[in-house]
Amino acid sequence: MDVIGQMGAVAAVLGSLGAALWWLRHRGIAIPAVGRKRSHRKLELVERLPLGPQHSLHLVRLGETMLLVAASPGGCRLIERHQAATGAGGGEAAR
């Protein structure tokens, strides 16, 4: 009889979680991860390279532009910018 009670408790918890998720989706608060596409993001950190305890390089994608940014305690500085080639270049980066 304990097993039936435990199974009922698990079913009640799962049912409560399902109802809460339905309510959150209905209100627009929870969006399923499967429906999200990565291409909609305008700003994305591609890679980070630490150079020391307080210095690092960040490769950032901003739309079709790649930015190389140096970060230090004194601030951030744009090192280099690459934009996607427009035309029949096949998507190679142009400076």
C-alpha atoms as a PDB file:
ATOM      1  CA  MET A   1       0.000   0.000   0.000  1.00  0.00           C
ATOM      2  CA  ASP A   2       2.954   2.359   0.520  1.00  0.00           C
ATOM      3  CA  VAL A   3       3.973   1.940  -3.112  1.00  0.00           C
ATOM      4  CA  ILE A   4       0.554   3.101  -4.321  1.00  0.00           C
ATOM      5  CA  GLY A   5       0.740   6.161  -2.059  1.00  0.00           C
ATOM      6  CA  GLN A   6       4.215   7.039  -3.329  1.00  0.00           C
ATOM      7  CA  MET A   7       3.144   6.640  -6.945  1.00  0.00           C
ATOM      8  CA  GLY A   8       0.160   8.877  -6.268  1.00  0.00           C
ATOM      9  CA  ALA A   9       2.414  11.529  -4.691  1.00  0.00           C
ATOM     10  CA  VAL A  10       4.791  11.424  -7.693  1.00  0.00           C
ATOM     11  CA  ALA A  11       1.845  11.721 -10.078  1.00  0.00           C
ATOM     12  CA  ALA A  12       0.490  14.695  -8.086  1.00  0.00           C
ATOM     13  CA  VAL A  13       3.874  16.472  -8.196  1.00  0.00           C
ATOM     14  CA  LEU A  14       4.292  15.861 -11.942  1.00  0.00           C
ATOM     15  CA  GLY A  15       0.730  17.015 -12.553  1.00  0.00           C
ATOM     16  CA  SER A  16       1.372  20.198 -10.551  1.00  0.00           C
ATOM     17  CA  LEU A  17       4.569  20.885 -12.516  1.00  0.00           C
ATOM     18  CA  GLY A  18       2.755  20.320 -15.800  1.00  0.00           C
ATOM     19  CA  ALA A  19      -0.066  22.661 -14.773  1.00  0.00           C
ATOM     20  CA  ALA A  20       2.432  25.335 -13.698  1.00  0.00           C
ATOM     21  CA  LEU A  21       4.315  25.021 -17.004  1.00  0.00           C
ATOM     22  CA  TRP A  22       1.067  25.288 -18.989  1.00  0.00           C
ATOM     23  CA  TRP A  23       0.095  28.396 -17.021  1.00  0.00           C
ATOM     24  CA  LEU A  24       3.518  30.015 -17.563  1.00  0.00           C
ATOM     25  CA  ARG A  25       3.419  29.266 -21.315  1.00  0.00           C
ATOM     26  CA  HIS A  26      -0.140  30.574 -21.525  1.00  0.00           C
ATOM     27  CA  ARG A  27       0.977  33.841 -19.916  1.00  0.00           C
ATOM     28  CA  GLY A  28       4.016  34.042 -22.227  1.00  0.00           C
ATOM     29  CA  ILE A  29       6.578  33.767 -19.441  1.00  0.00           C
ATOM     30  CA  ALA A  30       8.014  30.338 -20.317  1.00  0.00           C
ATOM     31  CA  ILE A  31       9.085  29.768 -23.914  1.00  0.00           C
ATOM     32  CA  PRO A  32      10.068  26.261 -24.987  1.00  0.00           C
ATOM     33  CA  ALA A  33      13.788  25.913 -25.759  1.00  0.00           C
ATOM     34  CA  VAL A  34      13.030  23.828 -28.851  1.00  0.00           C
ATOM     35  CA  GLY A  35      11.224  26.753 -30.480  1.00  0.00           C
ATOM     36  CA  ARG A  36      14.109  29.175 -30.004  1.00  0.00           C
ATOM     37  CA  LYS A  37      16.483  29.698 -32.888  1.00  0.00           C
ATOM     38  CA  ARG A  38      20.015  30.838 -32.288  1.00  0.00           C
ATOM     39  CA  SER A  39      20.067  32.955 -35.421  1.00  0.00           C
ATOM     40  CA  HIS A  40      17.670  35.507 -33.904  1.00  0.00           C
ATOM     41  CA  ARG A  41      20.307  36.723 -31.468  1.00  0.00           C
ATOM     42  CA  LYS A  42      21.977  39.951 -32.504  1.00  0.00           C
ATOM     43  CA  LEU A  43      24.818  39.805 -29.957  1.00  0.00           C
ATOM     44  CA  GLU A  44      26.745  36.624 -29.146  1.00  0.00           C
ATOM     45  CA  LEU A  45      30.006  35.918 -27.319  1.00  0.00           C
ATOM     46  CA  VAL A  46      31.840  33.529 -29.632  1.00  0.00           C
ATOM     47  CA  GLU A  47      35.016  33.018 -27.611  1.00  0.00           C
ATOM     48  CA  ARG A  48      36.938  34.417 -24.632  1.00  0.00           C
ATOM     49  CA  LEU A  49      40.695  34.153 -24.188  1.00  0.00           C
ATOM     50  CA  PRO A  50      42.084  35.084 -20.755  1.00  0.00           C
ATOM     51  CA  LEU A  51      45.505  36.738 -21.025  1.00  0.00           C
ATOM     52  CA  GLY A  52      46.056  37.222 -17.312  1.00  0.00           C
ATOM     53  CA  PRO A  53      44.113  37.643 -14.085  1.00  0.00           C
ATOM     54  CA  GLN A  54      42.503  40.907 -15.226  1.00  0.00           C
ATOM     55  CA  HIS A  55      43.074  40.988 -18.993  1.00  0.00           C
ATOM     56  CA  SER A  56      41.212  39.067 -21.691  1.00  0.00           C
ATOM     57  CA  LEU A  57      40.259  39.064 -25.361  1.00  0.00           C
ATOM     58  CA  HIS A  58      36.633  38.612 -26.402  1.00  0.00           C
ATOM     59  CA  LEU A  59      35.444  37.603 -29.854  1.00  0.00           C
ATOM     60  CA  VAL A  60      31.901  38.945 -30.218  1.00  0.00           C
ATOM     61  CA  ARG A  61      29.429  38.505 -33.073  1.00  0.00           C
ATOM     62  CA  LEU A  62      27.150  41.500 -33.622  1.00  0.00           C
ATOM     63  CA  GLY A  63      24.783  40.572 -36.438  1.00  0.00           C
ATOM     64  CA  GLU A  64      27.074  39.934 -39.421  1.00  0.00           C
ATOM     65  CA  THR A  65      30.066  41.684 -37.809  1.00  0.00           C
ATOM     66  CA  MET A  66      32.799  40.007 -35.738  1.00  0.00           C
ATOM     67  CA  LEU A  67      34.469  42.200 -33.110  1.00  0.00           C
ATOM     68  CA  LEU A  68      37.705  41.500 -31.243  1.00  0.00           C
ATOM     69  CA  VAL A  69      37.579  43.390 -27.948  1.00  0.00           C
ATOM     70  CA  ALA A  70      40.330  43.681 -25.318  1.00  0.00           C
ATOM     71  CA  ALA A  71      39.108  43.963 -21.725  1.00  0.00           C
ATOM     72  CA  SER A  72      41.244  45.224 -18.836  1.00  0.00           C
ATOM     73  CA  PRO A  73      40.705  47.061 -15.548  1.00  0.00           C
ATOM     74  CA  GLY A  74      41.162  50.319 -17.483  1.00  0.00           C
ATOM     75  CA  GLY A  75      38.218  49.523 -19.777  1.00  0.00           C
ATOM     76  CA  CYS A  76      37.462  47.870 -23.088  1.00  0.00           C
ATOM     77  CA  ARG A  77      39.015  48.581 -26.465  1.00  0.00           C
ATOM     78  CA  LEU A  78      38.033  47.489 -29.962  1.00  0.00           C
ATOM     79  CA  ILE A  79      41.033  45.755 -31.508  1.00  0.00           C
ATOM     80  CA  GLU A  80      39.646  44.573 -34.831  1.00  0.00           C
ATOM     81  CA  ARG A  81      36.378  44.413 -36.785  1.00  0.00           C
ATOM     82  CA  HIS A  82      35.473  41.941 -39.560  1.00  0.00           C
ATOM     83  CA  GLN A  83      32.291  42.169 -41.608  1.00  0.00           C
ATOM     84  CA  ALA A  84      30.842  39.425 -43.756  1.00  0.00           C
ATOM     85  CA  ALA A  85      31.550  39.931 -47.447  1.00  0.00           C
ATOM     86  CA  THR A  86      28.519  40.878 -49.494  1.00  0.00           C
ATOM     87  CA  GLY A  87      28.276  39.369 -52.937  1.00  0.00           C
ATOM     88  CA  ALA A  88      29.531  36.127 -54.454  1.00  0.00           C
ATOM     89  CA  GLY A  89      32.453  35.765 -52.054  1.00  0.00           C
ATOM     90  CA  GLY A  90      30.887  32.781 -50.318  1.00  0.00           C
ATOM     91  CA  GLY A  91      30.617  34.324 -46.855  1.00  0.00           C
ATOM     92  CA  GLU A  92      34.300  35.005 -46.298  1.00  0.00           C
ATOM     93  CA  ALA A  93      35.152  37.724 -43.799  1.00  0.00           C
ATOM     94  CA  ALA A  94      36.315  41.032 -45.261  1.00  0.00           C
ATOM     95  CA  ARG A  95      38.167  43.699 -43.384  1.00  0.00           C
END
